[in-house]
C-alpha atoms as a PDB file:
ATOM      1  CA  MET A   1     -50.105-126.806 -10.269  1.00  0.00           C
ATOM      2  CA  ARG A   2     -53.265-124.212 -10.310  1.00  0.00           C
ATOM      3  CA  LEU A   3     -53.035-122.316 -12.903  1.00  0.00           C
ATOM      4  CA  GLU A   4     -55.099-118.818 -12.979  1.00  0.00           C
ATOM      5  CA  ALA A   5     -55.874-116.890 -16.753  1.00  0.00           C
ATOM      6  CA  PRO A   6     -58.245-116.145 -18.554  1.00  0.00           C
ATOM      7  CA  GLY A   7     -61.286-117.779 -19.337  1.00  0.00           C
ATOM      8  CA  ARG A   8     -63.296-117.011 -23.157  1.00  0.00           C
ATOM      9  CA  ASP A   9     -62.124-114.504 -24.514  1.00  0.00           C
ATOM     10  CA  TYR A  10     -58.462-114.669 -24.454  1.00  0.00           C
ATOM     11  CA  ARG A  11     -58.458-114.950 -28.198  1.00  0.00           C
ATOM     12  CA  ARG A  12     -60.411-111.797 -28.234  1.00  0.00           C
ATOM     13  CA  TYR A  13     -57.307-110.448 -26.058  1.00  0.00           C
ATOM     14  CA  GLN A  14     -54.159-112.228 -27.972  1.00  0.00           C
ATOM     15  CA  MET A  15     -53.791-113.928 -25.449  1.00  0.00           C
ATOM     16  CA  GLU A  16     -53.175-117.787 -26.916  1.00  0.00           C
ATOM     17  CA  GLU A  17     -50.178-114.476 -29.108  1.00  0.00           C
ATOM     18  CA  TYR A  18     -47.713-115.546 -26.096  1.00  0.00           C
ATOM     19  CA  GLY A  19     -47.800-119.270 -26.435  1.00  0.00           C
ATOM     20  CA  GLY A  20     -48.627-120.768 -23.628  1.00  0.00           C
ATOM     21  CA  VAL A  21     -46.743-120.687 -20.027  1.00  0.00           C
ATOM     22  CA  ASP A  22     -43.988-120.227 -18.753  1.00  0.00           C
ATOM     23  CA  VAL A  23     -42.873-122.958 -16.691  1.00  0.00           C
ATOM     24  CA  ARG A  24     -39.241-123.599 -14.545  1.00  0.00           C
ATOM     25  CA  LEU A  25     -38.553-126.803 -12.670  1.00  0.00           C
ATOM     26  CA  TYR A  26     -36.200-125.960  -9.341  1.00  0.00           C
ATOM     27  CA  ARG A  27     -34.355-128.334  -7.486  1.00  0.00           C
ATOM     28  CA  ILE A  28     -34.551-128.451  -3.830  1.00  0.00           C
ATOM     29  CA  PRO A  29     -31.615-129.392  -2.390  1.00  0.00           C
ATOM     30  CA  ASP A  30     -33.763-129.156   1.407  1.00  0.00           C
ATOM     31  CA  PRO A  31     -37.299-130.554   0.681  1.00  0.00           C
ATOM     32  CA  MET A  32     -37.966-130.721   4.365  1.00  0.00           C
ATOM     33  CA  ALA A  33     -36.908-127.472   5.676  1.00  0.00           C
ATOM     34  CA  PHE A  34     -38.039-125.987   2.121  1.00  0.00           C
ATOM     35  CA  LEU A  35     -41.947-127.493   3.173  1.00  0.00           C
ATOM     36  CA  ARG A  36     -41.220-126.337   7.153  1.00  0.00           C
ATOM     37  CA  GLN A  37     -41.009-122.789   5.991  1.00  0.00           C
ATOM     38  CA  GLN A  38     -44.419-122.396   4.134  1.00  0.00           C
ATOM     39  CA  LYS A  39     -47.680-120.900   6.242  1.00  0.00           C
ATOM     40  CA  ASN A  40     -49.495-123.468   3.550  1.00  0.00           C
ATOM     41  CA  LEU A  41     -48.399-126.012   1.621  1.00  0.00           C
ATOM     42  CA  HIS A  42     -51.385-125.965  -0.588  1.00  0.00           C
ATOM     43  CA  ARG A  43     -50.008-122.087  -1.710  1.00  0.00           C
ATOM     44  CA  ILE A  44     -46.105-122.587  -1.833  1.00  0.00           C
ATOM     45  CA  VAL A  45     -45.103-118.907  -1.573  1.00  0.00           C
ATOM     46  CA  VAL A  46     -40.630-118.031  -3.021  1.00  0.00           C
ATOM     47  CA  GLN A  47     -40.546-114.416  -3.681  1.00  0.00           C
ATOM     48  CA  PRO A  48     -39.473-114.062  -7.525  1.00  0.00           C
ATOM     49  CA  GLN A  49     -37.689-111.277  -8.724  1.00  0.00           C
ATOM     50  CA  TYR A  50     -40.028-109.025 -11.120  1.00  0.00           C
ATOM     51  CA  LEU A  51     -38.328-108.082 -14.081  1.00  0.00           C
ATOM     52  CA  GLY A  52     -41.060-105.986 -16.384  1.00  0.00           C
ATOM     53  CA  ASP A  53     -41.463-106.597 -20.016  1.00  0.00           C
ATOM     54  CA  GLY A  54     -38.668-104.583 -21.039  1.00  0.00           C
ATOM     55  CA  LEU A  55     -37.771-101.674 -22.858  1.00  0.00           C
ATOM     56  CA  ASN A  56     -38.168-103.841 -26.228  1.00  0.00           C
ATOM     57  CA  ASN A  57     -41.937-103.569 -26.139  1.00  0.00           C
ATOM     58  CA  THR A  58     -41.571-100.040 -24.730  1.00  0.00           C
ATOM     59  CA  LEU A  59     -39.319 -99.076 -27.512  1.00  0.00           C
ATOM     60  CA  THR A  60     -42.170-100.567 -30.119  1.00  0.00           C
ATOM     61  CA  TRP A  61     -44.586 -98.954 -28.657  1.00  0.00           C
ATOM     62  CA  LEU A  62     -43.076 -95.552 -29.244  1.00  0.00           C
ATOM     63  CA  TRP A  63     -41.536 -96.476 -32.980  1.00  0.00           C
ATOM     64  CA  ASP A  64     -45.467 -96.939 -34.041  1.00  0.00           C
ATOM     65  CA  ASN A  65     -46.462 -94.337 -32.509  1.00  0.00           C
ATOM     66  CA  TRP A  66     -44.445 -91.465 -33.578  1.00  0.00           C
ATOM     67  CA  TYR A  67     -44.633 -93.020 -37.084  1.00  0.00           C
ATOM     68  CA  GLY A  68     -48.241 -92.964 -36.802  1.00  0.00           C
ATOM     69  CA  LYS A  69     -47.978 -89.223 -35.288  1.00  0.00           C
ATOM     70  CA  SER A  70     -45.352 -88.143 -38.612  1.00  0.00           C
ATOM     71  CA  ARG A  71     -47.602 -89.439 -41.154  1.00  0.00           C
ATOM     72  CA  ARG A  72     -50.343 -87.888 -40.124  1.00  0.00           C
ATOM     73  CA  VAL A  73     -48.377 -84.572 -39.483  1.00  0.00           C
ATOM     74  CA  MET A  74     -47.423 -85.571 -43.310  1.00  0.00           C
ATOM     75  CA  GLN A  75     -51.199 -85.773 -44.363  1.00  0.00           C
ATOM     76  CA  ARG A  76     -52.109 -82.181 -43.504  1.00  0.00           C
ATOM     77  CA  THR A  77     -49.428 -81.420 -45.044  1.00  0.00           C
ATOM     78  CA  PHE A  78     -49.589 -82.307 -48.639  1.00  0.00           C
ATOM     79  CA  SER A  79     -52.976 -81.604 -50.012  1.00  0.00           C
ATOM     80  CA  SER A  80     -54.388 -84.701 -51.014  1.00  0.00           C
ATOM     81  CA  GLN A  81     -53.691 -84.247 -54.584  1.00  0.00           C
ATOM     82  CA  SER A  82     -49.997 -84.661 -54.495  1.00  0.00           C
ATOM     83  CA  ARG A  83     -50.069 -86.926 -52.429  1.00  0.00           C
ATOM     84  CA  GLN A  84     -51.782 -88.938 -55.502  1.00  0.00           C
ATOM     85  CA  ASN A  85     -49.809 -87.769 -57.305  1.00  0.00           C
ATOM     86  CA  VAL A  86     -46.850 -89.137 -55.976  1.00  0.00           C
ATOM     87  CA  THR A  87     -48.507 -92.887 -54.602  1.00  0.00           C
ATOM     88  CA  GLN A  88     -49.084 -93.388 -58.227  1.00  0.00           C
ATOM     89  CA  ALA A  89     -45.993 -92.494 -59.246  1.00  0.00           C
ATOM     90  CA  LEU A  90     -44.077 -94.688 -55.654  1.00  0.00           C
ATOM     91  CA  PRO A  91     -46.190 -96.681 -55.016  1.00  0.00           C
ATOM     92  CA  GLU A  92     -43.470 -97.982 -52.068  1.00  0.00           C
ATOM     93  CA  LEU A  93     -44.560 -95.181 -50.680  1.00  0.00           C
ATOM     94  CA  GLN A  94     -48.763 -95.633 -49.828  1.00  0.00           C
ATOM     95  CA  LEU A  95     -49.515 -96.417 -46.490  1.00  0.00           C
ATOM     96  CA  GLY A  96     -51.628 -99.376 -46.169  1.00  0.00           C
ATOM     97  CA  ASN A  97     -52.553-100.771 -43.536  1.00  0.00           C
ATOM     98  CA  ALA A  98     -49.586 -99.849 -42.040  1.00  0.00           C
ATOM     99  CA  ILE A  99     -50.902 -97.225 -38.890  1.00  0.00           C
ATOM    100  CA  ILE A 100     -54.016 -99.268 -37.638  1.00  0.00           C
ATOM    101  CA  LYS A 101     -52.116-102.198 -37.581  1.00  0.00           C
ATOM    102  CA  PRO A 102     -51.138-102.560 -33.926  1.00  0.00           C
ATOM    103  CA  SER A 103     -47.988-103.558 -32.432  1.00  0.00           C
ATOM    104  CA  ARG A 104     -46.296-106.502 -32.181  1.00  0.00           C
ATOM    105  CA  TYR A 105     -44.239-107.176 -28.927  1.00  0.00           C
ATOM    106  CA  VAL A 106     -42.061-109.760 -27.676  1.00  0.00           C
ATOM    107  CA  GLN A 107     -43.774-112.189 -24.892  1.00  0.00           C
ATOM    108  CA  ASN A 108     -40.303-111.800 -22.464  1.00  0.00           C
ATOM    109  CA  ASN A 109     -40.219-113.590 -19.888  1.00  0.00           C
ATOM    110  CA  GLN A 110     -40.660-111.101 -17.132  1.00  0.00           C
ATOM    111  CA  PHE A 111     -39.393-112.992 -13.678  1.00  0.00           C
ATOM    112  CA  SER A 112     -36.123-114.027 -13.193  1.00  0.00           C
ATOM    113  CA  PRO A 113     -34.766-117.704 -12.276  1.00  0.00           C
ATOM    114  CA  LEU A 114     -34.943-117.830  -8.846  1.00  0.00           C
ATOM    115  CA  LYS A 115     -31.539-117.773  -7.334  1.00  0.00           C
ATOM    116  CA  LYS A 116     -31.828-119.780  -4.037  1.00  0.00           C
ATOM    117  CA  TYR A 117     -32.520-122.868  -5.751  1.00  0.00           C
ATOM    118  CA  PRO A 118     -30.583-124.891  -9.509  1.00  0.00           C
ATOM    119  CA  LEU A 119     -32.751-124.902 -11.898  1.00  0.00           C
ATOM    120  CA  VAL A 120     -33.377-127.521 -13.731  1.00  0.00           C
ATOM    121  CA  LYS A 121     -35.596-127.667 -16.839  1.00  0.00           C
ATOM    122  CA  GLN A 122     -37.948-124.323 -18.301  1.00  0.00           C
ATOM    123  CA  PHE A 123     -40.816-123.933 -21.059  1.00  0.00           C
ATOM    124  CA  ARG A 124     -43.028-122.761 -22.488  1.00  0.00           C
ATOM    125  CA  TYR A 125     -46.608-124.920 -22.516  1.00  0.00           C
ATOM    126  CA  PRO A 126     -49.331-124.041 -24.502  1.00  0.00           C
ATOM    127  CA  LEU A 127     -52.045-123.221 -22.286  1.00  0.00           C
ATOM    128  CA  TRP A 128     -54.726-122.660 -24.863  1.00  0.00           C
ATOM    129  CA  GLN A 129     -54.330-126.194 -25.942  1.00  0.00           C
ATOM    130  CA  ALA A 130     -53.396-128.016 -22.541  1.00  0.00           C
ATOM    131  CA  LYS A 131     -56.132-131.148 -21.710  1.00  0.00           C
ATOM    132  CA  PRO A 132     -58.167-131.284 -18.866  1.00  0.00           C
ATOM    133  CA  PHE A 133     -57.041-132.730 -15.653  1.00  0.00           C
ATOM    134  CA  GLU A 134     -59.331-136.018 -15.165  1.00  0.00           C
ATOM    135  CA  PRO A 135     -58.704-139.464 -13.209  1.00  0.00           C
ATOM    136  CA  GLN A 136     -58.210-142.163 -14.440  1.00  0.00           C
ATOM    137  CA  GLN A 137     -60.077-144.871 -16.488  1.00  0.00           C
ATOM    138  CA  GLY A 138     -62.236-146.902 -13.957  1.00  0.00           C
ATOM    139  CA  VAL A 139     -61.052-144.918 -10.817  1.00  0.00           C
ATOM    140  CA  LYS A 140     -64.024-144.587  -8.134  1.00  0.00           C
ATOM    141  CA  LEU A 141     -64.515-144.695  -4.999  1.00  0.00           C
ATOM    142  CA  GLU A 142     -66.453-146.302  -3.003  1.00  0.00           C
ATOM    143  CA  GLY A 143     -69.052-144.460  -0.969  1.00  0.00           C
ATOM    144  CA  ALA A 144     -69.006-142.002  -2.276  1.00  0.00           C
ATOM    145  CA  SER A 145     -70.893-139.320  -4.803  1.00  0.00           C
ATOM    146  CA  SER A 146     -70.711-140.336  -8.664  1.00  0.00           C
ATOM    147  CA  ASN A 147     -69.981-136.786  -9.158  1.00  0.00           C
ATOM    148  CA  PHE A 148     -66.972-137.193  -6.557  1.00  0.00           C
ATOM    149  CA  ILE A 149     -64.318-137.609  -9.290  1.00  0.00           C
ATOM    150  CA  SER A 150     -65.833-135.107 -11.737  1.00  0.00           C
ATOM    151  CA  PRO A 151     -63.101-133.031 -14.266  1.00  0.00           C
ATOM    152  CA  GLN A 152     -63.851-128.677 -12.281  1.00  0.00           C
ATOM    153  CA  PRO A 153     -63.009-126.528 -15.788  1.00  0.00           C
ATOM    154  CA  GLY A 154     -59.860-124.577 -14.967  1.00  0.00           C
ATOM    155  CA  ASN A 155     -57.371-127.734 -13.823  1.00  0.00           C
ATOM    156  CA  ILE A 156     -55.650-128.957 -16.720  1.00  0.00           C
ATOM    157  CA  TYR A 157     -52.837-131.621 -17.258  1.00  0.00           C
ATOM    158  CA  ILE A 158     -49.081-130.195 -17.273  1.00  0.00           C
ATOM    159  CA  PRO A 159     -46.303-133.001 -18.506  1.00  0.00           C
ATOM    160  CA  LEU A 160     -43.368-132.374 -16.741  1.00  0.00           C
ATOM    161  CA  GLY A 161     -41.434-135.364 -18.256  1.00  0.00           C
ATOM    162  CA  GLN A 162     -39.203-137.874 -16.165  1.00  0.00           C
ATOM    163  CA  GLN A 163     -37.274-136.150 -13.330  1.00  0.00           C
ATOM    164  CA  GLU A 164     -34.857-137.710 -11.358  1.00  0.00           C
ATOM    165  CA  PRO A 165     -35.646-137.776  -7.797  1.00  0.00           C
END
């Protein structure tokens, strides 16, 4: 399986928070007919149905944005001294880091399952903890250069478990 993902700067963009790669395994009823339809057997093409991020993340962003703006309006409305007196009397009204804290988004699967094929298994694999794909120990090809089977960066192993044929 080929996966393309952000490289070394993924932590900076909070990609690890997503939790991994969404993997779905489907049963292909007639595999030979399916493969005949493909133009390139190295890149299988299936038309997905994109769902988007969903309304939940949009509403989260709107709520956080409106909350921050409403707090700033209240800061401009009341004097600094009156705000300090109120927060001393009622400490639960202190803002703290809530206004600068980034919104917490729910990571939804952005594609619906394929309707043409029965779904066998679905899981999220932790991409950032994946082990690189390496050849088995002791595998050598006679007459090949010494770098014939060296691990390539970006090639990772995703265990799919024992599946029925």
